[in-house]
């Protein structure tokens, strides 16, 4: 994934190994930092020590609920339409 070698375990024993592994052996920060850092920025989510990550997860969990994502859709649509309208107009030379 993104130029890294990864092994995925999908059976019950594999899941136990991954989900119950010691943090010192398996870290989400190592797996996700390379592609979340450009999205969220430095010092946010997976670009922080695990103790800070756990605090941040508690704060953002409510904002990432299914109901909230449904509420975000009209906002996403509006922003995409604004972007397309602006860039379409610029490319048309008006």
Protein backbone atom coordinates (compact mmCIF):
# COMPACT_ATOMS: atom_id res chain seq x y z
CA UNK A 1 0.00 0.00 0.00
CA UNK A 2 1.55 3.29 -1.11
CA UNK A 3 4.91 1.66 -1.78
CA UNK A 4 5.07 -0.29 1.49
CA UNK A 5 5.14 -4.06 1.86
CA UNK A 6 2.19 -5.23 3.93
CA UNK A 7 0.84 -8.55 5.07
CA UNK A 8 -2.86 -8.94 5.80
CA UNK A 9 -4.18 -11.66 8.09
CA UNK A 10 -7.86 -12.35 7.57
CA UNK A 11 -8.69 -15.41 9.64
CA UNK A 12 -9.65 -15.45 13.33
CA UNK A 13 -6.08 -16.04 14.52
CA UNK A 14 -4.81 -13.31 12.22
CA UNK A 15 -7.37 -10.84 13.48
CA UNK A 16 -6.44 -11.68 17.05
CA UNK A 17 -2.78 -11.11 16.25
CA UNK A 18 -3.48 -7.70 14.71
CA UNK A 19 -6.21 -6.36 16.99
CA UNK A 20 -4.72 -7.62 20.24
CA UNK A 21 -1.08 -6.97 19.43
CA UNK A 22 1.00 -4.79 21.72
CA UNK A 23 1.20 -1.19 20.58
CA UNK A 24 4.99 -1.46 20.56
CA UNK A 25 4.74 -4.19 17.87
CA UNK A 26 1.92 -2.93 15.66
CA UNK A 27 1.10 0.76 15.32
CA UNK A 28 -1.57 2.49 13.28
CA UNK A 29 0.67 5.56 13.17
CA UNK A 30 3.24 3.70 11.09
CA UNK A 31 0.59 2.33 8.75
CA UNK A 32 -1.50 5.48 8.24
CA UNK A 33 0.77 8.48 8.82
CA UNK A 34 2.08 8.61 5.25
CA UNK A 35 -1.35 9.29 3.79
CA UNK A 36 -3.24 10.96 6.64
CA UNK A 37 -0.59 13.59 7.34
CA UNK A 38 -1.18 15.37 3.99
CA UNK A 39 -4.94 15.35 4.69
CA UNK A 40 -5.04 16.38 8.35
CA UNK A 41 -1.65 18.11 8.67
CA UNK A 42 1.21 17.71 11.10
CA UNK A 43 0.48 16.95 14.73
CA UNK A 44 -3.00 15.61 14.03
CA UNK A 45 -4.48 12.09 14.11
CA UNK A 46 -1.74 9.58 13.20
CA UNK A 47 1.14 12.10 13.29
CA UNK A 48 1.16 12.15 17.10
CA UNK A 49 2.08 9.76 19.91
CA UNK A 50 -0.58 7.14 20.66
CA UNK A 51 -1.73 8.83 23.88
CA UNK A 52 -2.51 12.04 21.96
CA UNK A 53 -4.13 10.04 19.15
CA UNK A 54 -6.52 8.46 21.65
CA UNK A 55 -7.52 11.91 22.94
CA UNK A 56 -8.04 13.20 19.40
CA UNK A 57 -10.10 10.16 18.44
CA UNK A 58 -12.47 10.79 21.36
CA UNK A 59 -12.90 14.42 20.25
CA UNK A 60 -13.58 13.69 16.58
CA UNK A 61 -15.60 10.49 16.97
CA UNK A 62 -18.92 12.34 17.19
CA UNK A 63 -18.12 14.38 14.09
CA UNK A 64 -17.47 11.24 12.06
CA UNK A 65 -20.76 9.48 12.77
CA UNK A 66 -22.98 8.16 9.97
CA UNK A 67 -25.65 10.79 10.74
CA UNK A 68 -23.11 13.58 10.54
CA UNK A 69 -21.71 12.25 7.27
CA UNK A 70 -25.24 12.37 5.83
CA UNK A 71 -25.50 15.98 6.99
CA UNK A 72 -22.14 16.78 5.35
CA UNK A 73 -23.27 15.63 1.88
CA UNK A 74 -25.07 18.89 0.97
CA UNK A 75 -21.99 20.81 2.11
CA UNK A 76 -19.72 18.63 -0.04
CA UNK A 77 -22.02 19.07 -3.03
CA UNK A 78 -22.10 22.84 -2.57
CA UNK A 79 -18.30 23.06 -2.32
CA UNK A 80 -17.75 20.85 -5.37
CA UNK A 81 -20.26 22.89 -7.39
CA UNK A 82 -18.53 26.12 -6.37
CA UNK A 83 -15.15 24.70 -7.35
CA UNK A 84 -16.40 23.40 -10.70
CA UNK A 85 -18.26 26.63 -11.48
CA UNK A 86 -15.17 28.72 -10.69
CA UNK A 87 -12.75 26.59 -12.69
CA UNK A 88 -15.18 26.04 -15.56
CA UNK A 89 -15.66 29.80 -15.83
CA UNK A 90 -11.89 30.39 -15.72
CA UNK A 91 -11.24 27.79 -18.42
CA UNK A 92 -13.93 29.37 -20.63
CA UNK A 93 -12.09 32.66 -20.39
CA UNK A 94 -14.95 34.64 -18.84
